[in-house]
Amino acid sequence: MHRIGLLVCDHVSPEFSHVAGDYPDMFQRLFASQPDIELVPYDLTQGRFPASPDACDGWITTGSRLSVYDDIGWIEDFGRLVQSIAETERRFVGVCFGHQMIAHALGGKVERAANGWGIGLKEVAVPEPPSWWGRERYRVLNSHADQVVDLPPGTAVLGGNDHCPVSLMTTGDTMLGIQGHPEFPPAYAAALIRARRGVLIAEEVSAAGLASLSAAPDTEFLAGALGRFLRGS
């Protein structure tokens, strides 16, 4: 059994909870076909941090509506935790906000994307996939306004696209960042786009994002690849 700490960096707004539950529920479903992975939640937003980087066999994060550079106590503590995990042999998967925190905490830079929000289904090219990834393209749901713009030392970009050149990256041998949301079901991605349409996200961008949901994300593939990385396979 692999005990993987789920670092919870946000919660689903109550008006959307009927769609797919809270973020821990989405991650439980993501790894449901891998019974050797046990997710252990830590609600960082409530100050519930692991006692040490060795408290679990590996780590994975949720996303967040906040930014990694926000001046909020628990976000700063999260950055220090990422630094501590990076110094160990424990594996870490940063999803969206967590992907950006790898860069922010380890010497790179994250800022508002110059080309605006990334939403809907995006295809990511992985020109030279490592063996544990094993695929040159994947489709993943996105919902982000920030992007990694400068890489931390020791980082390799594995995948990207025109909108987000740093969509998949590894820092050292044990840190993996993915900008998309492998855990999102399309219905939840659609609910977020509709709620932000014409308010936070331009009408035409929202329309294109909703239209992209006619295709399916590569959820099963992504779950398997992330599981292999967390196991060190």
Protein backbone atom coordinates (compact mmCIF):
# COMPACT_ATOMS: atom_id res chain seq x y z
CA MET A 1 0.00 0.00 0.00
CA HIS A 2 1.25 3.48 -0.91
CA ARG A 3 0.06 6.21 1.47
CA ILE A 4 -0.16 9.40 -0.56
CA GLY A 5 -0.82 12.65 1.28
CA LEU A 6 -3.45 14.76 -0.49
CA LEU A 7 -2.61 18.41 0.21
CA VAL A 8 -5.97 20.18 0.00
CA CYS A 9 -5.49 23.78 -1.15
CA ASP A 10 -9.12 24.76 -1.74
CA HIS A 11 -12.70 23.53 -1.51
CA VAL A 12 -15.49 23.40 -4.06
CA SER A 13 -17.97 26.26 -3.67
CA PRO A 14 -21.25 25.04 -2.11
CA GLU A 15 -23.26 25.84 -5.26
CA PHE A 16 -21.16 23.33 -7.21
CA SER A 17 -20.83 20.55 -4.62
CA HIS A 18 -23.67 18.55 -6.18
CA VAL A 19 -21.71 18.20 -9.46
CA ALA A 20 -18.78 16.08 -8.27
CA GLY A 21 -18.41 16.62 -4.53
CA ASP A 22 -15.36 18.31 -3.03
CA TYR A 23 -11.81 18.07 -4.37
CA PRO A 24 -10.87 15.08 -2.20
CA ASP A 25 -13.86 13.23 -3.71
CA MET A 26 -12.57 13.94 -7.22
CA PHE A 27 -9.10 12.62 -6.38
CA GLN A 28 -10.55 9.51 -4.76
CA ARG A 29 -12.39 8.78 -8.02
CA LEU A 30 -9.28 9.53 -10.06
CA PHE A 31 -7.33 6.78 -8.28
CA ALA A 32 -10.26 4.42 -7.70
CA SER A 33 -8.84 1.83 -10.12
CA GLN A 34 -5.53 1.76 -8.19
CA PRO A 35 -6.42 0.21 -4.81
CA ASP A 36 -2.78 0.19 -3.69
CA ILE A 37 -2.93 4.01 -3.45
CA GLU A 38 -4.44 5.30 -0.20
CA LEU A 39 -5.07 9.04 -0.14
CA VAL A 40 -4.57 10.75 3.23
CA PRO A 41 -6.06 14.29 3.18
CA TYR A 42 -4.42 17.29 4.85
CA ASP A 43 -6.51 20.47 4.70
CA LEU A 44 -3.83 23.12 4.33
CA THR A 45 -6.46 25.87 4.13
CA GLN A 46 -7.32 25.08 7.76
CA GLY A 47 -3.68 24.89 8.83
CA ARG A 48 -3.64 21.08 8.95
CA PHE A 49 -0.14 20.30 7.75
CA PRO A 50 1.75 17.00 7.89
CA ALA A 51 4.17 16.64 10.78
CA SER A 52 7.04 16.05 8.35
CA PRO A 53 7.73 15.33 4.65
CA ASP A 54 8.14 11.68 5.66
CA ALA A 55 4.61 11.38 7.07
CA CYS A 56 3.45 9.75 3.81
CA ASP A 57 5.09 7.77 1.01
CA GLY A 58 4.38 10.55 -1.49
CA TRP A 59 2.33 13.72 -1.99
CA ILE A 60 -0.20 15.18 -4.42
CA THR A 61 -2.01 18.52 -4.33
CA THR A 62 -5.37 19.87 -5.33
CA GLY A 63 -5.66 23.11 -7.26
CA SER A 64 -6.81 26.41 -5.77
CA ARG A 65 -8.60 29.59 -6.84
CA LEU A 66 -5.80 31.52 -5.09
CA SER A 67 -2.33 32.36 -6.41
CA VAL A 68 0.93 30.97 -5.06
CA TYR A 69 2.26 34.52 -4.66
CA ASP A 70 -0.69 35.65 -2.48
CA ASP A 71 0.35 36.99 0.92
CA ILE A 72 -1.58 34.39 2.94
CA GLY A 73 -0.07 32.50 5.84
CA TRP A 74 -0.96 28.95 4.87
CA ILE A 75 0.25 29.53 1.28
CA GLU A 76 3.64 30.66 2.58
CA ASP A 77 3.72 27.58 4.84
CA PHE A 78 2.85 25.42 1.83
CA GLY A 79 5.84 26.84 -0.03
CA ARG A 80 8.12 25.89 2.85
CA LEU A 81 6.61 22.40 2.90
CA VAL A 82 7.36 21.99 -0.83
CA GLN A 83 10.95 23.05 -0.18
CA SER A 84 11.20 20.43 2.58
CA ILE A 85 9.68 17.67 0.43
CA ALA A 86 12.09 18.54 -2.40
CA GLU A 87 14.98 17.80 -0.05
CA THR A 88 13.73 14.27 0.64
CA GLU A 89 13.27 11.17 -1.51
CA ARG A 90 9.49 11.47 -1.26
CA ARG A 91 7.67 11.97 -4.56
CA PHE A 92 5.48 15.01 -5.10
CA VAL A 93 2.86 15.71 -7.77
CA GLY A 94 1.70 19.31 -7.99
CA VAL A 95 -1.63 19.77 -9.77
CA CYS A 96 -2.36 23.28 -11.15
CA PHE A 97 -1.76 25.47 -8.04
CA GLY A 98 0.66 22.78 -6.80
CA HIS A 99 2.45 22.76 -10.17
CA GLN A 100 2.90 26.51 -9.86
CA MET A 101 4.07 26.17 -6.24
CA ILE A 102 6.95 23.92 -7.32
CA ALA A 103 8.22 26.80 -9.46
CA HIS A 104 7.43 29.54 -6.93
CA ALA A 105 8.97 27.76 -3.94
CA LEU A 106 12.06 26.39 -5.65
CA GLY A 107 13.37 29.47 -7.43
CA GLY A 108 11.22 29.94 -10.53
CA LYS A 109 8.49 32.47 -11.23
CA VAL A 110 4.70 32.38 -11.58
CA GLU A 111 2.58 35.26 -12.83
CA ARG A 112 -0.72 36.07 -14.51
CA ALA A 113 -0.72 34.56 -17.99
CA ALA A 114 -0.23 37.22 -20.64
CA ASN A 115 -2.59 35.35 -22.98
CA GLY A 116 -5.40 35.09 -20.43
CA TRP A 117 -7.29 32.24 -18.85
CA GLY A 118 -6.66 28.66 -19.86
CA ILE A 119 -9.98 26.82 -19.72
CA GLY A 120 -11.63 23.78 -21.20
CA LEU A 121 -9.96 20.78 -22.77
CA LYS A 122 -6.37 21.34 -23.95
CA GLU A 123 -4.04 18.98 -25.78
CA VAL A 124 -0.47 18.85 -24.51
CA ALA A 125 2.47 17.64 -26.60
CA VAL A 126 5.17 15.60 -24.82
CA PRO A 127 7.95 15.29 -27.45
CA GLU A 128 10.20 12.96 -25.46
CA PRO A 129 8.02 11.19 -22.88
CA PRO A 130 9.82 9.34 -20.08
CA SER A 131 9.03 5.64 -19.79
CA TRP A 132 6.66 6.11 -16.85
CA TRP A 133 4.65 8.65 -18.92
CA GLY A 134 4.83 6.77 -22.20
CA ARG A 135 2.72 8.99 -24.45
CA GLU A 136 3.47 11.90 -26.78
CA ARG A 137 0.09 13.66 -26.43
CA TYR A 138 -2.64 13.88 -23.84
CA ARG A 139 -5.85 15.85 -23.32
CA VAL A 140 -6.59 17.40 -19.94
CA LEU A 141 -9.13 19.84 -18.51
CA ASN A 142 -7.80 23.26 -17.52
CA SER A 143 -8.88 26.16 -15.33
CA HIS A 144 -6.09 28.63 -14.58
CA ALA A 145 -5.23 32.31 -14.86
CA ASP A 146 -1.58 31.98 -13.70
CA GLN A 147 1.30 30.20 -15.41
CA VAL A 148 4.89 29.19 -14.73
CA VAL A 149 7.01 31.70 -16.66
CA ASP A 150 10.51 30.99 -15.26
CA LEU A 151 11.73 27.51 -14.31
CA PRO A 152 13.41 26.65 -11.03
CA PRO A 153 16.90 25.11 -11.20
CA GLY A 154 17.02 21.47 -12.23
CA THR A 155 13.67 21.59 -14.04
CA ALA A 156 12.89 19.90 -17.35
CA VAL A 157 9.81 20.83 -19.38
CA LEU A 158 8.19 17.61 -20.55
CA GLY A 159 5.06 18.99 -22.22
CA GLY A 160 3.33 22.16 -23.35
CA ASN A 161 1.14 23.85 -25.92
CA ASP A 162 0.70 27.31 -27.47
CA HIS A 163 -1.34 28.60 -24.56
CA CYS A 164 0.77 27.11 -21.77
CA PRO A 165 4.34 26.20 -22.77
CA VAL A 166 5.08 24.77 -19.31
CA SER A 167 2.18 22.33 -18.92
CA LEU A 168 4.15 19.35 -17.61
CA MET A 169 7.51 19.52 -15.85
CA THR A 170 9.83 17.63 -13.54
CA THR A 171 12.14 19.23 -11.01
CA GLY A 172 14.89 16.83 -10.02
CA ASP A 173 13.91 13.18 -9.93
CA THR A 174 10.99 13.39 -7.51
CA MET A 175 8.88 16.51 -8.30
CA LEU A 176 6.26 16.48 -11.06
CA GLY A 177 4.08 19.44 -11.98
CA ILE A 178 1.01 19.29 -14.22
CA GLN A 179 -0.88 22.48 -15.06
CA GLY A 180 -4.13 20.77 -16.02
CA HIS A 181 -6.70 19.07 -13.80
CA PRO A 182 -6.66 15.28 -14.30
CA GLU A 183 -9.22 14.95 -11.49
CA PHE A 184 -11.90 17.22 -13.00
CA PRO A 185 -14.96 15.63 -14.62
CA PRO A 186 -16.18 17.62 -17.65
CA ALA A 187 -19.40 18.58 -15.86
CA TYR A 188 -17.45 20.39 -13.15
CA ALA A 189 -15.22 22.16 -15.69
CA ALA A 190 -18.39 23.31 -17.49
CA ALA A 191 -19.95 24.60 -14.25
CA LEU A 192 -16.85 26.70 -13.50
CA ILE A 193 -16.78 28.19 -17.00
CA ARG A 194 -20.47 29.09 -16.91
CA ALA A 195 -20.12 30.76 -13.49
CA ARG A 196 -17.19 32.90 -14.70
CA ARG A 197 -18.48 33.59 -18.21
CA GLY A 198 -18.59 37.30 -18.95
CA VAL A 199 -17.41 38.08 -15.39
CA LEU A 200 -13.86 36.78 -14.97
CA ILE A 201 -13.52 35.20 -18.39
CA ALA A 202 -14.41 36.85 -21.69
CA GLU A 203 -17.51 35.66 -23.49
CA GLU A 204 -15.66 34.35 -26.55
CA VAL A 205 -13.05 32.52 -24.45
CA SER A 206 -15.81 30.94 -22.37
CA ALA A 207 -17.71 29.84 -25.48
CA ALA A 208 -14.60 28.18 -26.90
CA GLY A 209 -13.89 26.49 -23.58
CA LEU A 210 -17.38 25.05 -23.39
CA ALA A 211 -17.21 23.88 -27.01
CA SER A 212 -13.95 22.03 -26.29
CA LEU A 213 -15.79 19.82 -23.78
CA SER A 214 -17.39 17.88 -26.62
CA ALA A 215 -14.21 15.75 -26.58
CA ALA A 216 -13.14 13.65 -23.59
CA PRO A 217 -10.08 14.12 -21.38
CA ASP A 218 -7.55 11.29 -21.04
CA THR A 219 -8.49 10.70 -17.42
CA GLU A 220 -7.65 7.00 -17.20
CA PHE A 221 -4.26 7.49 -18.84
CA LEU A 222 -3.41 10.44 -16.57
CA ALA A 223 -4.42 8.53 -13.43
CA GLY A 224 -2.14 5.67 -14.43
CA ALA A 225 0.81 7.94 -15.28
CA LEU A 226 0.54 9.88 -12.03
CA GLY A 227 0.22 6.63 -10.09
CA ARG A 228 3.38 5.27 -11.72
CA PHE A 229 5.28 8.43 -10.85
CA LEU A 230 4.11 8.38 -7.23
CA ARG A 231 5.15 4.76 -6.87
CA GLY A 232 8.51 5.42 -8.48
CA SER A 233 7.70 2.85 -11.16
